[in-house]
Amino acid sequence: MQSADAKFKRNSLFLALRRYSSAVSEMEQTILLPSLLRDMPSDEVWDCEAAEETCKDLYSNYLMLKAIRTTVESGLIPLDDHKAKNNIALNKTLEPLLDTDPEALFRFHVRGLFSVMSDLTKKTQTLTEKYMDIIGVAN
């Protein structure tokens, strides 16, 4: 029974959010000159909001990762007009899910949140490593 508790704790949503927050804190402590990231292109596909837009630089990614951490820790969800339009389109595609079983819908969203938080944590760690490469510090 105790191993089941340990597995639950290791895979808890709280710990996934805390891992992300810790990765961003480490990124902030490591990246002392975020301006060095300006105009540094990223080779990540996730940096493109849409196919017709240009990809963001590493500095924009740095700011985005920090903003997401603020949202995770504060619970406040600021949306600008562009993002609000994207969310409306996303909500329309997800409308059929709203008629499903609430438990299934909850599990769907929790699974998605775990996936997103894991990806964001990895991206934060990658950005920190790229900064260290830029300044010439070996990992």
C-alpha atoms as a PDB file:
ATOM      1  CA  MET A   1       0.000   0.000   0.000  1.00  0.00           C
ATOM      2  CA  GLN A   2       2.830   2.373   0.784  1.00  0.00           C
ATOM      3  CA  SER A   3       4.347   1.960  -2.704  1.00  0.00           C
ATOM      4  CA  ALA A   4       0.985   2.938  -4.204  1.00  0.00           C
ATOM      5  CA  ASP A   5       1.020   6.101  -2.073  1.00  0.00           C
ATOM      6  CA  ALA A   6       4.572   6.884  -3.181  1.00  0.00           C
ATOM      7  CA  LYS A   7       3.594   6.445  -6.842  1.00  0.00           C
ATOM      8  CA  PHE A   8       0.561   8.674  -6.386  1.00  0.00           C
ATOM      9  CA  LYS A   9       2.655  11.405  -4.817  1.00  0.00           C
ATOM     10  CA  ARG A  10       5.323  11.148  -7.508  1.00  0.00           C
ATOM     11  CA  ASN A  11       2.709  11.514 -10.236  1.00  0.00           C
ATOM     12  CA  SER A  12       0.568  14.132  -8.518  1.00  0.00           C
ATOM     13  CA  LEU A  13      -0.493  17.246 -10.337  1.00  0.00           C
ATOM     14  CA  PHE A  14       0.919  19.329  -7.513  1.00  0.00           C
ATOM     15  CA  LEU A  15       4.377  17.834  -8.043  1.00  0.00           C
ATOM     16  CA  ALA A  16       4.199  18.369 -11.819  1.00  0.00           C
ATOM     17  CA  LEU A  17       3.402  22.030 -11.252  1.00  0.00           C
ATOM     18  CA  ARG A  18       6.129  22.306  -8.617  1.00  0.00           C
ATOM     19  CA  ARG A  19       8.705  20.711 -10.944  1.00  0.00           C
ATOM     20  CA  TYR A  20       7.857  23.302 -13.583  1.00  0.00           C
ATOM     21  CA  SER A  21       8.039  26.158 -11.090  1.00  0.00           C
ATOM     22  CA  SER A  22      11.415  24.887  -9.864  1.00  0.00           C
ATOM     23  CA  ALA A  23      12.742  24.610 -13.418  1.00  0.00           C
ATOM     24  CA  VAL A  24      11.710  28.222 -14.110  1.00  0.00           C
ATOM     25  CA  SER A  25      13.313  29.386 -10.850  1.00  0.00           C
ATOM     26  CA  GLU A  26      16.531  27.612 -11.835  1.00  0.00           C
ATOM     27  CA  MET A  27      16.308  29.197 -15.290  1.00  0.00           C
ATOM     28  CA  GLU A  28      15.951  32.657 -13.725  1.00  0.00           C
ATOM     29  CA  GLN A  29      18.906  32.064 -11.404  1.00  0.00           C
ATOM     30  CA  THR A  30      21.069  30.814 -14.277  1.00  0.00           C
ATOM     31  CA  ILE A  31      20.093  33.389 -16.893  1.00  0.00           C
ATOM     32  CA  LEU A  32      21.569  36.529 -15.398  1.00  0.00           C
ATOM     33  CA  LEU A  33      21.449  38.476 -18.677  1.00  0.00           C
ATOM     34  CA  PRO A  34      18.216  37.549 -20.442  1.00  0.00           C
ATOM     35  CA  SER A  35      18.925  40.196 -23.085  1.00  0.00           C
ATOM     36  CA  LEU A  36      21.581  37.854 -24.507  1.00  0.00           C
ATOM     37  CA  LEU A  37      18.681  35.701 -25.690  1.00  0.00           C
ATOM     38  CA  ARG A  38      17.264  38.462 -27.910  1.00  0.00           C
ATOM     39  CA  ASP A  39      17.328  37.682 -31.615  1.00  0.00           C
ATOM     40  CA  MET A  40      18.672  34.193 -30.889  1.00  0.00           C
ATOM     41  CA  PRO A  41      16.515  31.903 -33.033  1.00  0.00           C
ATOM     42  CA  SER A  42      15.101  28.796 -31.508  1.00  0.00           C
ATOM     43  CA  ASP A  43      15.052  25.504 -33.337  1.00  0.00           C
ATOM     44  CA  GLU A  44      11.924  24.339 -31.482  1.00  0.00           C
ATOM     45  CA  VAL A  45       8.687  23.903 -33.454  1.00  0.00           C
ATOM     46  CA  TRP A  46       6.624  24.940 -30.410  1.00  0.00           C
ATOM     47  CA  ASP A  47       7.864  28.514 -30.804  1.00  0.00           C
ATOM     48  CA  CYS A  48       5.613  29.144 -33.783  1.00  0.00           C
ATOM     49  CA  GLU A  49       2.108  30.244 -32.845  1.00  0.00           C
ATOM     50  CA  ALA A  50       0.870  29.706 -36.391  1.00  0.00           C
ATOM     51  CA  ALA A  51       2.416  28.536 -39.635  1.00  0.00           C
ATOM     52  CA  GLU A  52       2.255  32.001 -41.196  1.00  0.00           C
ATOM     53  CA  GLU A  53       3.947  33.723 -38.247  1.00  0.00           C
ATOM     54  CA  THR A  54       7.682  33.829 -37.703  1.00  0.00           C
ATOM     55  CA  CYS A  55       9.150  31.869 -34.844  1.00  0.00           C
ATOM     56  CA  LYS A  56       9.918  33.623 -31.588  1.00  0.00           C
ATOM     57  CA  ASP A  57      13.423  34.211 -30.340  1.00  0.00           C
ATOM     58  CA  LEU A  58      14.774  32.674 -27.139  1.00  0.00           C
ATOM     59  CA  TYR A  59      14.046  35.867 -25.201  1.00  0.00           C
ATOM     60  CA  SER A  60      10.335  35.651 -26.066  1.00  0.00           C
ATOM     61  CA  ASN A  61      10.357  32.025 -24.929  1.00  0.00           C
ATOM     62  CA  TYR A  62      12.049  33.052 -21.675  1.00  0.00           C
ATOM     63  CA  LEU A  63       9.328  35.637 -21.008  1.00  0.00           C
ATOM     64  CA  MET A  64       6.568  33.181 -21.924  1.00  0.00           C
ATOM     65  CA  LEU A  65       7.889  30.489 -19.579  1.00  0.00           C
ATOM     66  CA  LYS A  66       8.092  33.002 -16.725  1.00  0.00           C
ATOM     67  CA  ALA A  67       4.555  34.251 -17.432  1.00  0.00           C
ATOM     68  CA  ILE A  68       3.178  30.713 -17.383  1.00  0.00           C
ATOM     69  CA  ARG A  69       4.857  30.104 -14.032  1.00  0.00           C
ATOM     70  CA  THR A  70       3.228  33.265 -12.675  1.00  0.00           C
ATOM     71  CA  THR A  71      -0.147  31.989 -13.860  1.00  0.00           C
ATOM     72  CA  VAL A  72       0.471  28.554 -12.315  1.00  0.00           C
ATOM     73  CA  GLU A  73       1.434  30.090  -8.977  1.00  0.00           C
ATOM     74  CA  SER A  74      -1.157  32.882  -8.830  1.00  0.00           C
ATOM     75  CA  GLY A  75      -4.088  31.308 -10.640  1.00  0.00           C
ATOM     76  CA  LEU A  76      -4.675  34.506 -12.604  1.00  0.00           C
ATOM     77  CA  ILE A  77      -5.196  33.963 -16.308  1.00  0.00           C
ATOM     78  CA  PRO A  78      -4.506  37.115 -18.350  1.00  0.00           C
ATOM     79  CA  LEU A  79      -5.496  36.876 -22.000  1.00  0.00           C
ATOM     80  CA  ASP A  80      -4.734  39.362 -24.719  1.00  0.00           C
ATOM     81  CA  ASP A  81      -7.014  39.736 -27.759  1.00  0.00           C
ATOM     82  CA  HIS A  82      -4.928  37.482 -30.034  1.00  0.00           C
ATOM     83  CA  LYS A  83      -4.833  34.644 -27.521  1.00  0.00           C
ATOM     84  CA  ALA A  84      -8.525  35.092 -26.719  1.00  0.00           C
ATOM     85  CA  LYS A  85      -9.375  34.576 -30.406  1.00  0.00           C
ATOM     86  CA  ASN A  86      -7.267  31.401 -30.468  1.00  0.00           C
ATOM     87  CA  ASN A  87      -9.002  30.148 -27.306  1.00  0.00           C
ATOM     88  CA  ILE A  88     -12.453  30.749 -28.822  1.00  0.00           C
ATOM     89  CA  ALA A  89     -11.484  28.648 -31.836  1.00  0.00           C
ATOM     90  CA  LEU A  90     -10.098  25.928 -29.561  1.00  0.00           C
ATOM     91  CA  ASN A  91     -13.252  25.943 -27.425  1.00  0.00           C
ATOM     92  CA  LYS A  92     -15.409  25.442 -30.539  1.00  0.00           C
ATOM     93  CA  THR A  93     -13.416  22.342 -31.488  1.00  0.00           C
ATOM     94  CA  LEU A  94     -13.754  20.987 -27.944  1.00  0.00           C
ATOM     95  CA  GLU A  95     -17.514  21.635 -27.629  1.00  0.00           C
ATOM     96  CA  PRO A  96     -18.447  17.989 -28.340  1.00  0.00           C
ATOM     97  CA  LEU A  97     -16.404  16.984 -25.273  1.00  0.00           C
ATOM     98  CA  LEU A  98     -18.543  19.172 -23.030  1.00  0.00           C
ATOM     99  CA  ASP A  99     -21.462  16.775 -23.451  1.00  0.00           C
ATOM    100  CA  THR A 100     -19.445  13.788 -22.207  1.00  0.00           C
ATOM    101  CA  ASP A 101     -19.258  12.288 -18.762  1.00  0.00           C
ATOM    102  CA  PRO A 102     -17.793  14.835 -16.277  1.00  0.00           C
ATOM    103  CA  GLU A 103     -15.334  12.271 -14.912  1.00  0.00           C
ATOM    104  CA  ALA A 104     -14.080  11.432 -18.416  1.00  0.00           C
ATOM    105  CA  LEU A 105     -13.771  15.140 -19.185  1.00  0.00           C
ATOM    106  CA  PHE A 106     -11.828  15.687 -15.954  1.00  0.00           C
ATOM    107  CA  ARG A 107      -9.444  12.819 -16.742  1.00  0.00           C
ATOM    108  CA  PHE A 108      -8.951  14.164 -20.276  1.00  0.00           C
ATOM    109  CA  HIS A 109      -7.983  17.602 -18.961  1.00  0.00           C
ATOM    110  CA  VAL A 110      -5.723  16.287 -16.185  1.00  0.00           C
ATOM    111  CA  ARG A 111      -3.908  14.044 -18.668  1.00  0.00           C
ATOM    112  CA  GLY A 112      -3.478  17.038 -20.983  1.00  0.00           C
ATOM    113  CA  LEU A 113      -2.254  19.248 -18.145  1.00  0.00           C
ATOM    114  CA  PHE A 114       0.337  16.649 -17.119  1.00  0.00           C
ATOM    115  CA  SER A 115       1.537  16.467 -20.715  1.00  0.00           C
ATOM    116  CA  VAL A 116       1.749  20.247 -21.118  1.00  0.00           C
ATOM    117  CA  MET A 117       3.520  20.755 -17.787  1.00  0.00           C
ATOM    118  CA  SER A 118       6.033  18.035 -18.629  1.00  0.00           C
ATOM    119  CA  ASP A 119       6.724  19.634 -22.012  1.00  0.00           C
ATOM    120  CA  LEU A 120       7.072  23.103 -20.489  1.00  0.00           C
ATOM    121  CA  THR A 121       9.472  21.789 -17.851  1.00  0.00           C
ATOM    122  CA  LYS A 122      11.651  20.188 -20.548  1.00  0.00           C
ATOM    123  CA  LYS A 123      11.553  23.371 -22.653  1.00  0.00           C
ATOM    124  CA  THR A 124      12.574  25.451 -19.633  1.00  0.00           C
ATOM    125  CA  GLN A 125      15.526  23.150 -18.980  1.00  0.00           C
ATOM    126  CA  THR A 126      16.502  23.262 -22.661  1.00  0.00           C
ATOM    127  CA  LEU A 127      16.398  27.066 -22.687  1.00  0.00           C
ATOM    128  CA  THR A 128      18.610  27.153 -19.590  1.00  0.00           C
ATOM    129  CA  GLU A 129      21.101  24.809 -21.297  1.00  0.00           C
ATOM    130  CA  LYS A 130      21.109  26.949 -24.462  1.00  0.00           C
ATOM    131  CA  TYR A 131      21.877  30.045 -22.398  1.00  0.00           C
ATOM    132  CA  MET A 132      24.794  28.239 -20.761  1.00  0.00           C
ATOM    133  CA  ASP A 133      26.054  27.317 -24.240  1.00  0.00           C
ATOM    134  CA  ILE A 134      25.734  30.964 -25.350  1.00  0.00           C
ATOM    135  CA  ILE A 135      27.839  32.221 -22.450  1.00  0.00           C
ATOM    136  CA  GLY A 136      30.306  29.340 -22.823  1.00  0.00           C
ATOM    137  CA  VAL A 137      29.682  27.478 -19.587  1.00  0.00           C
ATOM    138  CA  ALA A 138      29.895  23.684 -19.780  1.00  0.00           C
ATOM    139  CA  ASN A 139      26.892  21.815 -18.402  1.00  0.00           C
END
